Amino acid sequence: MMRFFILKKKAYSPKWHWDCAYGFIVEAESYTAARRIAADKCGDEGPDAWLSPEHSTCQLLKLTDEPRVIMRDFLNG
C-alpha cells in the first residue's frame, strides 16, 4: 500500500543554498523508498542529503479531516 511521506531539510544541514530542493511530499511504500525517490529528484544538495537522517527528516503524512497547510517552503531574503 502506498502512503504519503513528507521530507524536509534539517535547519543545520550543510550544502543547501541555491538550486536545491528543500522538501518533498512523496508517495511510496516505505520510509526507505520515500528517501530514495527524493534522492533521485535532488538538486545541488546531492542525494545523500535525502538518504541520510542526519541531514533531513522523513515523516509519514497522516490524513485528517481538517484543512491544513502540508508544506510551506519559504526562503526569506
Protein backbone atom coordinates (compact mmCIF):
# COMPACT_ATOMS: atom_id res chain seq x y z
CA MET A 1 0.00 0.00 0.00
CA MET A 2 1.29 3.43 -0.92
CA ARG A 3 1.43 6.18 1.69
CA PHE A 4 2.43 9.83 1.63
CA PHE A 5 5.65 10.97 3.27
CA ILE A 6 6.94 14.48 3.87
CA LEU A 7 10.68 15.05 3.70
CA LYS A 8 12.30 18.27 4.89
CA LYS A 9 15.83 19.50 5.30
CA LYS A 10 17.13 19.93 8.83
CA ALA A 11 17.94 23.51 9.78
CA TYR A 12 21.65 22.89 10.34
CA SER A 13 22.22 20.80 7.23
CA PRO A 14 25.23 21.72 5.09
CA LYS A 15 25.25 22.24 1.33
CA TRP A 16 21.77 23.78 0.98
CA HIS A 17 21.55 27.06 -0.88
CA TRP A 18 20.58 27.82 -4.48
CA ASP A 19 19.46 25.14 -6.95
CA CYS A 20 18.50 22.80 -4.11
CA ALA A 21 15.31 21.04 -3.10
CA TYR A 22 14.20 21.98 0.42
CA GLY A 23 11.40 19.46 0.78
CA PHE A 24 9.28 16.80 -0.86
CA ILE A 25 5.92 15.14 -0.46
CA VAL A 26 6.37 11.65 -1.84
CA GLU A 27 4.04 8.71 -2.36
CA ALA A 28 5.89 5.48 -1.56
CA GLU A 29 5.59 2.12 0.17
CA SER A 30 8.11 2.84 2.96
CA TYR A 31 10.35 5.45 4.56
CA THR A 32 13.34 3.99 2.72
CA ALA A 33 11.57 4.11 -0.62
CA ALA A 34 10.47 7.71 0.04
CA ARG A 35 14.05 8.74 0.77
CA ARG A 36 15.26 7.04 -2.43
CA ILE A 37 12.64 8.83 -4.53
CA ALA A 38 13.63 12.20 -3.05
CA ALA A 39 17.32 11.41 -3.60
CA ASP A 40 16.59 10.67 -7.27
CA LYS A 41 15.00 14.14 -7.65
CA CYS A 42 17.62 16.11 -5.69
CA GLY A 43 19.35 19.29 -6.78
CA ASP A 44 22.82 20.55 -5.95
CA GLU A 45 22.42 19.35 -2.34
CA GLY A 46 23.08 15.82 -3.61
CA PRO A 47 21.31 12.53 -2.95
CA ASP A 48 22.91 11.92 0.46
CA ALA A 49 21.02 14.94 1.79
CA TRP A 50 17.80 12.94 1.41
CA LEU A 51 19.14 9.47 2.15
CA SER A 52 20.73 10.48 5.48
CA PRO A 53 18.64 11.15 8.62
CA GLU A 54 21.48 13.47 9.70
CA HIS A 55 20.51 15.98 7.01
CA SER A 56 16.75 15.51 6.51
CA THR A 57 13.59 14.25 8.15
CA CYS A 58 11.10 11.78 6.69
CA GLN A 59 7.68 11.52 8.32
CA LEU A 60 4.53 9.65 7.44
CA LEU A 61 1.87 12.16 6.42
CA LYS A 62 -1.33 11.21 8.20
CA LEU A 63 -4.65 12.10 6.66
CA THR A 64 -7.06 14.22 8.69
CA ASP A 65 -10.48 15.76 8.27
CA GLU A 66 -9.12 19.25 8.92
CA PRO A 67 -7.90 21.66 6.22
CA ARG A 68 -4.21 22.44 6.71
CA VAL A 69 -1.01 23.50 5.04
CA ILE A 70 1.06 20.41 4.32
CA MET A 71 4.28 22.21 3.42
CA ARG A 72 5.48 25.81 3.16
CA ASP A 73 8.98 26.00 1.70
CA PHE A 74 9.95 29.64 2.22
CA LEU A 75 13.30 31.41 1.82
CA ASN A 76 13.26 34.89 3.36
CA GLY A 77 15.73 37.26 1.78
